Amino acid sequence: MTIDRIKGPAIHAIGENLHFPSYQITQLSNALPLAYHTVNNSTIIQLTFTFQAGLWNHPKKLVSSLCNRLLREGTQHHSAAEVAEWFEYHGASLSTSHDSDFASVSLYCLRKHLNALLPWLAEVIQQPAFSESELALQVKLGKEALKQEAEKTEFIAGEEFGKSLFGAAHPYGRSNKLEDYDAVTCEDLGNYHASHYHAGNAKLFAYGAVDAEILAALEQYFGQGKWPAKSKPVIPSYTSTPNKTLCQYIEKEKAVQTSIRIGNECIAPEHPDYQAFKITCIVLGGYFGSRLMSSVREEKGYTYGIHAGIVNRLFGNYFRISTEVGKQVREDAVATILEEIRILQNEVMEQDELDGVRNYLLGNYVDQQSNFFQTSSLINHYFIYNKTEKDYNHALEVLRTITPKDIQLMAQKHFSIEQLHQVLAG
């Protein structure tokens, strides 16, 4: 066959044939929800256990984060060094993570090594040691990290911004102090683990070389016989108490820059305007060519970067603008940010600009399915947050059909300059 090198290939619209990747949902014999996706010809397995055991759930400060961190630091049968050496010997990656709402344990390994690793993974999750020596080490490391972070203006601004939006007693507004580490005991960690790290409070996601043999092995180590489900823990209830003083400046001597955080609570993903408002936030400051990047960075040279977007949590969502600028231009930077919001509210954007944003976001959708790790992250996110293919298709439809007038309407409805919390530190 002769190739015609004069005639170029057909041009297709970005994301023309996007479809949400299919996956199966089942459960083990102890009712542990399991979602899995088989990648043909893959030799890699990813397993992720997610527990509703984040900051929102902990009985006192740092218990949830230290519990999650110490899972890898020794079991009732093996030391921390032995655990690390076993997973490293098999070329596997074992990690833990923790945020406001969830805690997780993830394993990446070759399919051929999974049988050797599963009993150790089960020990890590089901039988952690929570030894005094390992807790003392993590407390020491945590204190040192907190001391270093507390000197950074971006850390100060972030802490105070959370307090301003939700209140200091709210999980999304709490800040840790050095003495909080000293109050955590091994008994606290053991009790928290017993109430939150079980099959009745977990979801399991498997991705890659998943087949019937793998599913049977997961049942063997994490099903009814090995890991009984308990009642779900009671989810605490908190009330936001926003700061009545919307504008705060925290002076930090010798700081050469000021960290700026601006925003307020906003609509949740279930709101009919959410997808359109999310795109409006991206127009404002969610990509390199955004309004805020063009004005604050490119035109005025006040910062290396500025970002605006929505932060989603299970029990509260908020819009946030964040940047770092020279101390001497902080007031003008804030004025410029607020002016860009007003422009979005008062002027209809050009169609070409919106088309550029649309193409950028469609490219992100394509990128989400471009490799093993991106696709697994996408599916797991939908599984954890109980989202479906319908949600994915709705978001795509809004992106493809949104108009410049829609952007203006979203800015008018959901940006209230008079109610924005402004926190500056530096």
Protein backbone atom coordinates (compact mmCIF):
# COMPACT_ATOMS: atom_id res chain seq x y z
CA MET A 1 0.00 0.00 0.00
CA THR A 2 1.36 3.39 -1.07
CA ILE A 3 1.08 6.16 1.54
CA ASP A 4 -0.09 9.51 0.19
CA ARG A 5 2.15 11.91 2.12
CA ILE A 6 0.56 14.99 0.57
CA LYS A 7 -2.87 14.27 1.97
CA GLY A 8 -2.99 14.78 5.74
CA PRO A 9 -4.87 12.58 8.20
CA ALA A 10 -8.48 13.30 9.04
CA ILE A 11 -9.00 15.94 11.73
CA HIS A 12 -11.33 15.10 14.59
CA ALA A 13 -12.71 17.32 17.31
CA ILE A 14 -11.00 17.01 20.70
CA GLY A 15 -12.73 14.41 22.84
CA GLU A 16 -15.13 13.48 20.06
CA ASN A 17 -15.50 9.86 21.18
CA LEU A 18 -15.09 10.18 24.93
CA HIS A 19 -16.71 7.47 27.02
CA PHE A 20 -16.40 6.73 30.70
CA PRO A 21 -14.32 3.54 31.21
CA SER A 22 -16.49 0.62 32.22
CA TYR A 23 -15.93 -1.25 35.47
CA GLN A 24 -17.64 -3.92 37.54
CA ILE A 25 -19.05 -3.53 41.04
CA THR A 26 -19.56 -6.53 43.31
CA GLN A 27 -18.90 -7.33 46.95
CA LEU A 28 -17.03 -9.87 49.01
CA SER A 29 -18.82 -12.26 51.33
CA ASN A 30 -18.57 -9.79 54.20
CA ALA A 31 -20.39 -7.16 52.06
CA LEU A 32 -17.18 -5.20 51.39
CA PRO A 33 -17.88 -3.22 48.16
CA LEU A 34 -15.42 -4.10 45.40
CA ALA A 35 -15.03 -2.26 42.10
CA TYR A 36 -12.64 -3.63 39.51
CA HIS A 37 -11.49 -2.96 35.96
CA THR A 38 -9.49 -5.45 33.94
CA VAL A 39 -6.79 -4.08 31.64
CA ASN A 40 -6.06 -6.66 28.95
CA ASN A 41 -2.42 -7.76 28.70
CA SER A 42 -1.50 -5.80 31.84
CA THR A 43 1.05 -7.28 34.23
CA ILE A 44 0.39 -4.72 36.98
CA ILE A 45 -2.15 -4.78 39.79
CA GLN A 46 -3.39 -1.82 41.81
CA LEU A 47 -5.36 -2.36 45.01
CA THR A 48 -6.74 0.59 46.98
CA PHE A 49 -8.65 0.33 50.24
CA THR A 50 -10.49 3.52 51.17
CA PHE A 51 -11.98 4.14 54.60
CA GLN A 52 -14.22 6.98 55.73
CA ALA A 53 -11.65 7.78 58.39
CA GLY A 54 -10.37 11.27 57.64
CA LEU A 55 -10.05 14.39 59.78
CA TRP A 56 -13.82 14.72 59.98
CA ASN A 57 -14.08 11.46 61.90
CA HIS A 58 -11.27 11.62 64.44
CA PRO A 59 -12.14 11.84 68.15
CA LYS A 60 -9.29 14.24 68.87
CA LYS A 61 -6.63 15.99 66.86
CA LEU A 62 -4.10 13.92 64.91
CA VAL A 63 -5.54 10.52 65.83
CA SER A 64 -6.86 9.81 62.30
CA SER A 65 -3.69 10.96 60.52
CA LEU A 66 -1.28 9.16 62.89
CA CYS A 67 -3.37 5.99 62.71
CA ASN A 68 -3.12 6.00 58.93
CA ARG A 69 0.59 6.86 58.94
CA LEU A 70 1.48 4.09 61.41
CA LEU A 71 -0.18 1.30 59.42
CA ARG A 72 3.06 0.73 57.51
CA GLU A 73 5.23 0.96 60.63
CA GLY A 74 4.97 -2.61 61.82
CA THR A 75 2.31 -5.26 62.37
CA GLN A 76 1.62 -7.65 65.24
CA HIS A 77 3.89 -10.19 63.52
CA HIS A 78 6.48 -8.12 61.63
CA SER A 79 8.55 -5.02 62.36
CA ALA A 80 8.45 -1.85 60.30
CA ALA A 81 11.78 -2.79 58.72
CA GLU A 82 10.55 -6.25 57.79
CA VAL A 83 7.40 -4.85 56.20
CA ALA A 84 9.38 -2.32 54.16
CA GLU A 85 11.95 -4.93 53.07
CA TRP A 86 9.31 -7.46 51.99
CA PHE A 87 7.45 -5.04 49.73
CA GLU A 88 10.69 -3.59 48.37
CA TYR A 89 12.08 -7.06 47.65
CA HIS A 90 9.05 -7.74 45.43
CA GLY A 91 9.32 -4.39 43.65
CA ALA A 92 6.01 -3.26 45.10
CA SER A 93 4.83 0.16 46.22
CA LEU A 94 2.84 0.34 49.46
CA SER A 95 1.46 3.76 50.38
CA THR A 96 -1.02 5.36 52.74
CA SER A 97 -2.86 8.66 52.38
CA HIS A 98 -5.18 10.74 54.49
CA ASP A 99 -7.30 13.86 53.96
CA SER A 100 -10.30 15.66 55.41
CA ASP A 101 -12.73 12.84 54.69
CA PHE A 102 -10.93 9.62 53.74
CA ALA A 103 -7.93 7.48 54.58
CA SER A 104 -6.54 4.91 52.19
CA VAL A 105 -3.98 2.15 51.70
CA SER A 106 -2.72 1.40 48.19
CA LEU A 107 -0.59 -1.36 46.71
CA TYR A 108 1.00 -1.41 43.25
CA CYS A 109 2.80 -4.59 42.22
CA LEU A 110 3.38 -7.08 39.46
CA ARG A 111 0.63 -9.64 39.07
CA LYS A 112 3.07 -12.51 39.63
CA HIS A 113 3.99 -11.24 43.11
CA LEU A 114 0.48 -10.58 44.42
CA ASN A 115 0.08 -13.95 46.14
CA ALA A 116 3.24 -13.30 48.15
CA LEU A 117 2.16 -9.78 49.07
CA LEU A 118 -1.52 -10.22 49.95
CA PRO A 119 -0.99 -11.81 53.39
CA TRP A 120 1.38 -8.98 54.30
CA LEU A 121 -1.05 -6.37 53.01
CA ALA A 122 -3.79 -7.97 55.11
CA GLU A 123 -1.55 -7.73 58.18
CA VAL A 124 -0.80 -4.06 57.52
CA ILE A 125 -4.48 -3.18 57.28
CA GLN A 126 -5.97 -5.59 59.82
CA GLN A 127 -3.24 -6.06 62.47
CA PRO A 128 -1.08 -2.96 62.87
CA ALA A 129 1.17 -2.93 65.95
CA PHE A 130 0.91 0.76 66.97
CA SER A 131 4.06 0.38 69.04
CA GLU A 132 5.22 3.05 71.48
CA SER A 133 8.57 3.43 69.72
CA GLU A 134 7.05 3.95 66.26
CA LEU A 135 4.48 6.41 67.61
CA ALA A 136 7.26 8.36 69.35
CA LEU A 137 9.19 8.53 66.07
CA GLN A 138 6.16 9.74 64.09
CA VAL A 139 5.38 12.32 66.79
CA LYS A 140 8.94 13.62 66.58
CA LEU A 141 8.83 13.81 62.78
CA GLY A 142 5.39 15.44 62.86
CA LYS A 143 6.51 18.11 65.29
CA GLU A 144 9.56 18.96 63.20
CA ALA A 145 7.47 19.18 60.04
CA LEU A 146 4.90 21.40 61.79
CA LYS A 147 7.63 23.74 63.06
CA GLN A 148 8.97 24.16 59.53
CA GLU A 149 5.53 24.60 57.95
CA ALA A 150 4.48 27.17 60.55
CA GLU A 151 7.21 29.50 59.26
CA LYS A 152 5.78 29.56 55.73
CA THR A 153 3.31 32.26 54.77
CA GLU A 154 1.35 29.90 52.52
CA PHE A 155 0.81 27.54 55.45
CA ILE A 156 -0.33 30.37 57.73
CA ALA A 157 -2.72 31.72 55.10
CA GLY A 158 -4.17 28.27 54.46
CA GLU A 159 -4.74 27.60 58.15
CA GLU A 160 -6.38 30.95 58.77
CA PHE A 161 -8.49 30.69 55.62
CA GLY A 162 -9.98 27.41 56.85
CA LYS A 163 -10.77 28.99 60.21
CA SER A 164 -12.32 32.01 58.50
CA LEU A 165 -14.66 29.88 56.39
CA PHE A 166 -15.63 27.18 58.89
CA GLY A 167 -14.46 28.15 62.36
CA ALA A 168 -11.57 26.88 64.49
CA ALA A 169 -13.65 24.04 66.01
CA HIS A 170 -14.76 22.66 62.64
CA PRO A 171 -12.71 19.79 61.10
CA TYR A 172 -12.12 21.83 57.93
CA GLY A 173 -10.91 24.78 60.01
CA ARG A 174 -8.90 23.12 62.77
CA SER A 175 -5.19 23.70 63.10
CA ASN A 176 -2.70 21.51 64.93
CA LYS A 177 -0.35 22.60 67.70
CA LEU A 178 2.83 20.90 68.89
CA GLU A 179 1.20 19.81 72.16
CA ASP A 180 -1.54 18.00 70.22
CA TYR A 181 1.03 15.38 69.23
CA ASP A 182 1.83 14.66 72.89
CA ALA A 183 -1.83 13.94 73.66
CA VAL A 184 -2.10 10.98 71.24
CA THR A 185 -1.60 7.52 72.75
CA CYS A 186 -1.26 4.04 71.28
CA GLU A 187 -4.59 3.23 72.90
CA ASP A 188 -6.19 6.09 70.93
CA LEU A 189 -4.82 4.68 67.71
CA GLY A 190 -5.91 1.13 68.49
CA ASN A 191 -9.43 2.22 69.35
CA TYR A 192 -9.70 4.37 66.23
CA HIS A 193 -8.42 1.56 64.04
CA ALA A 194 -10.90 -0.91 65.53
CA SER A 195 -13.86 1.39 64.90
CA HIS A 196 -12.90 2.71 61.45
CA TYR A 197 -10.60 0.23 59.65
CA HIS A 198 -12.93 -2.65 58.95
CA ALA A 199 -14.96 -4.07 56.06
CA GLY A 200 -18.12 -2.24 57.10
CA ASN A 201 -16.41 1.15 56.64
CA ALA A 202 -14.33 0.43 53.55
CA LYS A 203 -14.34 0.23 49.78
CA LEU A 204 -11.91 -1.83 47.71
CA PHE A 205 -10.80 -0.92 44.20
CA ALA A 206 -8.81 -3.31 41.98
CA TYR A 207 -7.34 -2.27 38.64
CA GLY A 208 -5.10 -3.89 36.05
CA ALA A 209 -4.47 -7.62 35.67
CA VAL A 210 -7.65 -8.55 37.52
CA ASP A 211 -9.10 -12.00 36.83
CA ALA A 212 -11.07 -14.71 38.64
CA GLU A 213 -7.96 -15.90 40.49
CA ILE A 214 -7.30 -12.40 41.82
CA LEU A 215 -10.90 -11.98 42.94
CA ALA A 216 -10.72 -15.30 44.77
CA ALA A 217 -7.52 -14.23 46.52
CA LEU A 218 -9.12 -10.97 47.64
CA GLU A 219 -12.00 -12.97 49.09
CA GLN A 220 -9.54 -15.22 50.90
CA TYR A 221 -7.70 -12.40 52.68
CA PHE A 222 -10.34 -9.72 52.96
CA GLY A 223 -13.65 -11.62 52.92
CA GLN A 224 -15.80 -12.87 55.79
CA GLY A 225 -13.39 -15.45 57.15
CA LYS A 226 -10.49 -13.00 57.61
CA TRP A 227 -12.09 -9.60 58.02
CA PRO A 228 -15.57 -9.39 59.55
CA ALA A 229 -17.58 -6.24 59.00
CA LYS A 230 -18.60 -4.11 61.97
CA SER A 231 -21.23 -1.42 62.21
CA LYS A 232 -20.31 1.81 60.48
CA PRO A 233 -19.04 4.37 62.98
CA VAL A 234 -21.28 7.30 63.81
CA ILE A 235 -20.37 10.27 61.63
CA PRO A 236 -19.88 13.36 63.82
CA SER A 237 -21.92 16.47 63.11
CA TYR A 238 -20.39 19.96 63.02
CA THR A 239 -21.74 23.43 62.29
CA SER A 240 -19.76 26.05 60.40
CA THR A 241 -19.13 29.28 62.27
CA PRO A 242 -17.60 31.62 59.68
CA ASN A 243 -15.56 34.57 60.85
CA LYS A 244 -17.63 37.74 60.79
CA THR A 245 -14.49 39.72 59.94
CA LEU A 246 -14.08 38.92 56.25
CA CYS A 247 -10.69 40.58 55.70
CA GLN A 248 -7.68 39.52 57.77
CA TYR A 249 -3.99 40.33 57.53
CA ILE A 250 -1.47 38.31 59.53
CA GLU A 251 1.81 40.18 59.75
CA LYS A 252 4.99 38.11 59.55
CA GLU A 253 8.19 40.00 60.10
CA LYS A 254 11.00 39.51 57.60
CA ALA A 255 8.66 37.86 55.11
CA VAL A 256 9.35 39.07 51.58
CA GLN A 257 6.07 37.83 50.16
CA THR A 258 2.40 37.76 51.10
CA SER A 259 0.27 34.67 50.65
CA ILE A 260 -3.28 35.48 49.58
CA ARG A 261 -6.35 33.27 49.99
CA ILE A 262 -9.74 34.56 48.84
CA GLY A 263 -13.03 32.67 48.66
CA ASN A 264 -16.14 31.39 50.38
CA GLU A 265 -18.37 28.33 50.70
CA CYS A 266 -20.06 27.41 47.43
CA ILE A 267 -22.51 25.05 45.78
CA ALA A 268 -22.03 21.27 45.89
CA PRO A 269 -21.66 18.89 42.90
CA GLU A 270 -25.34 17.96 43.25
CA HIS A 271 -26.43 21.54 42.45
CA PRO A 272 -27.73 21.98 38.87
CA ASP A 273 -25.35 24.92 38.33
CA TYR A 274 -22.26 23.14 39.60
CA GLN A 275 -20.64 22.07 36.30
CA ALA A 276 -21.19 25.46 34.69
CA PHE A 277 -19.87 27.25 37.79
CA LYS A 278 -16.81 24.96 37.82
CA ILE A 279 -16.02 26.01 34.25
CA THR A 280 -16.49 29.66 35.23
CA CYS A 281 -13.89 29.21 37.99
CA ILE A 282 -11.49 27.76 35.42
CA VAL A 283 -12.05 30.75 33.14
CA LEU A 284 -11.19 32.97 36.08
CA GLY A 285 -8.10 31.15 37.33
CA GLY A 286 -8.02 27.44 36.58
CA TYR A 287 -5.45 27.15 33.78
CA PHE A 288 -2.33 28.88 32.48
CA GLY A 289 -4.23 31.19 30.12
CA SER A 290 -6.86 32.20 32.69
CA ARG A 291 -7.98 35.76 33.43
CA LEU A 292 -6.06 35.91 36.70
CA MET A 293 -2.87 34.49 35.19
CA SER A 294 -3.07 37.03 32.38
CA SER A 295 -3.63 40.03 34.65
CA VAL A 296 -1.81 39.27 37.92
CA ARG A 297 1.11 37.33 36.41
CA GLU A 298 1.57 38.37 32.79
CA GLU A 299 0.48 42.02 32.84
CA LYS A 300 1.57 43.09 36.33
CA GLY A 301 4.26 40.56 37.13
CA TYR A 302 3.13 40.18 40.73
CA THR A 303 3.38 36.40 40.95
CA TYR A 304 4.71 33.25 39.35
CA GLY A 305 1.32 31.62 39.57
CA ILE A 306 -2.25 32.13 40.71
CA HIS A 307 -5.08 29.62 40.85
CA ALA A 308 -8.85 29.65 41.32
CA GLY A 309 -10.99 26.58 41.76
CA ILE A 310 -13.49 24.62 43.81
CA VAL A 311 -12.38 22.42 46.70
CA ASN A 312 -14.81 19.51 47.19
CA ARG A 313 -15.30 17.87 50.57
CA LEU A 314 -17.96 15.41 51.70
CA PHE A 315 -19.51 17.90 54.09
CA GLY A 316 -18.66 21.28 52.61
CA ASN A 317 -17.45 22.82 49.35
CA TYR A 318 -15.68 26.11 48.85
CA PHE A 319 -14.30 28.34 46.14
CA ARG A 320 -10.70 29.52 46.63
CA ILE A 321 -8.24 31.83 44.92
CA SER A 322 -4.63 31.36 46.03
CA THR A 323 -1.38 33.10 45.16
CA GLU A 324 1.85 34.51 46.58
CA VAL A 325 2.92 38.07 45.72
CA GLY A 326 5.51 40.60 46.81
CA LYS A 327 4.63 42.15 50.15
CA GLN A 328 4.61 45.67 48.72
CA VAL A 329 1.98 44.86 46.05
CA ARG A 330 -0.43 42.77 48.09
CA GLU A 331 -3.21 45.38 48.17
CA ASP A 332 -3.05 46.02 44.44
CA ALA A 333 -2.99 42.26 43.80
CA VAL A 334 -6.21 41.82 45.78
CA ALA A 335 -7.81 44.75 43.96
CA THR A 336 -6.82 43.21 40.61
CA ILE A 337 -8.31 39.83 41.59
CA LEU A 338 -11.63 41.39 42.61
CA GLU A 339 -11.72 43.49 39.44
CA GLU A 340 -11.37 40.36 37.29
CA ILE A 341 -14.40 38.89 39.05
CA ARG A 342 -16.38 42.07 38.35
CA ILE A 343 -15.41 41.94 34.69
CA LEU A 344 -16.71 38.37 34.44
CA GLN A 345 -19.97 39.52 36.01
CA ASN A 346 -20.41 42.66 33.89
CA GLU A 347 -19.02 41.71 30.47
CA VAL A 348 -19.83 38.75 28.20
CA MET A 349 -16.60 36.97 27.29
CA GLU A 350 -15.56 36.43 23.68
CA GLN A 351 -16.52 33.13 22.06
CA ASP A 352 -12.90 32.47 21.04
CA GLU A 353 -11.76 32.61 24.66
CA LEU A 354 -14.46 30.18 25.76
CA ASP A 355 -13.61 27.82 22.87
CA GLY A 356 -10.01 27.81 24.08
CA VAL A 357 -11.08 26.89 27.60
CA ARG A 358 -13.41 24.21 26.23
CA ASN A 359 -10.62 22.62 24.17
CA TYR A 360 -8.26 22.74 27.15
CA LEU A 361 -10.79 20.94 29.36
CA LEU A 362 -11.67 18.40 26.69
CA GLY A 363 -7.96 17.70 26.45
CA ASN A 364 -7.95 17.05 30.19
CA TYR A 365 -10.77 14.55 29.74
CA VAL A 366 -8.71 12.75 27.09
CA ASP A 367 -5.65 12.83 29.38
CA GLN A 368 -7.64 11.21 32.20
CA GLN A 369 -7.70 8.02 30.16
CA SER A 370 -4.25 8.25 28.62
CA ASN A 371 -2.41 5.78 30.87
CA PHE A 372 -2.76 3.16 33.58
CA PHE A 373 -2.48 5.52 36.56
CA GLN A 374 -4.69 8.28 35.21
CA THR A 375 -7.53 5.93 34.31
CA SER A 376 -7.38 4.05 37.60
CA SER A 377 -7.50 7.35 39.51
CA LEU A 378 -10.55 8.46 37.51
CA ILE A 379 -12.52 5.27 38.14
CA ASN A 380 -11.58 5.09 41.81
CA HIS A 381 -12.68 8.71 42.34
CA TYR A 382 -16.09 7.97 40.86
CA PHE A 383 -16.38 4.80 42.94
CA ILE A 384 -15.44 6.48 46.23
CA TYR A 385 -17.78 9.44 45.74
CA ASN A 386 -20.67 7.30 44.44
CA LYS A 387 -20.65 9.02 41.06
CA THR A 388 -21.78 7.30 37.88
CA GLU A 389 -21.33 7.38 34.12
CA LYS A 390 -24.40 9.64 34.05
CA ASP A 391 -22.48 12.26 36.05
CA TYR A 392 -19.54 12.00 33.66
CA ASN A 393 -21.75 12.43 30.59
CA HIS A 394 -23.60 15.36 32.17
CA ALA A 395 -20.33 17.18 32.87
CA LEU A 396 -19.24 16.62 29.27
CA GLU A 397 -22.57 17.86 27.92
CA VAL A 398 -22.37 21.07 29.96
CA LEU A 399 -18.80 21.62 28.77
CA ARG A 400 -19.74 21.14 25.12
CA THR A 401 -22.81 23.40 25.21
CA ILE A 402 -21.94 26.19 27.67
CA THR A 403 -22.09 29.72 26.20
CA PRO A 404 -20.38 33.01 27.06
CA LYS A 405 -23.68 34.26 28.46
CA ASP A 406 -23.85 31.20 30.75
CA ILE A 407 -20.41 32.09 32.13
CA GLN A 408 -21.56 35.62 32.92
CA LEU A 409 -24.71 34.32 34.61
CA MET A 410 -22.71 31.90 36.79
CA ALA A 411 -20.37 34.72 37.83
CA GLN A 412 -23.33 36.89 38.75
CA LYS A 413 -25.13 34.15 40.68
CA HIS A 414 -22.25 32.54 42.56
CA PHE A 415 -19.53 35.19 43.01
CA SER A 416 -20.47 37.68 45.72
CA ILE A 417 -17.53 40.02 46.20
CA GLU A 418 -19.05 41.48 49.36
CA GLN A 419 -19.11 38.03 51.00
CA LEU A 420 -15.63 36.82 50.04
CA HIS A 421 -13.27 35.93 52.86
CA GLN A 422 -9.83 37.47 52.33
CA VAL A 423 -6.83 36.17 54.27
CA LEU A 424 -3.36 37.63 53.72
CA ALA A 425 -0.25 36.41 55.52
CA GLY A 426 3.26 37.78 55.21
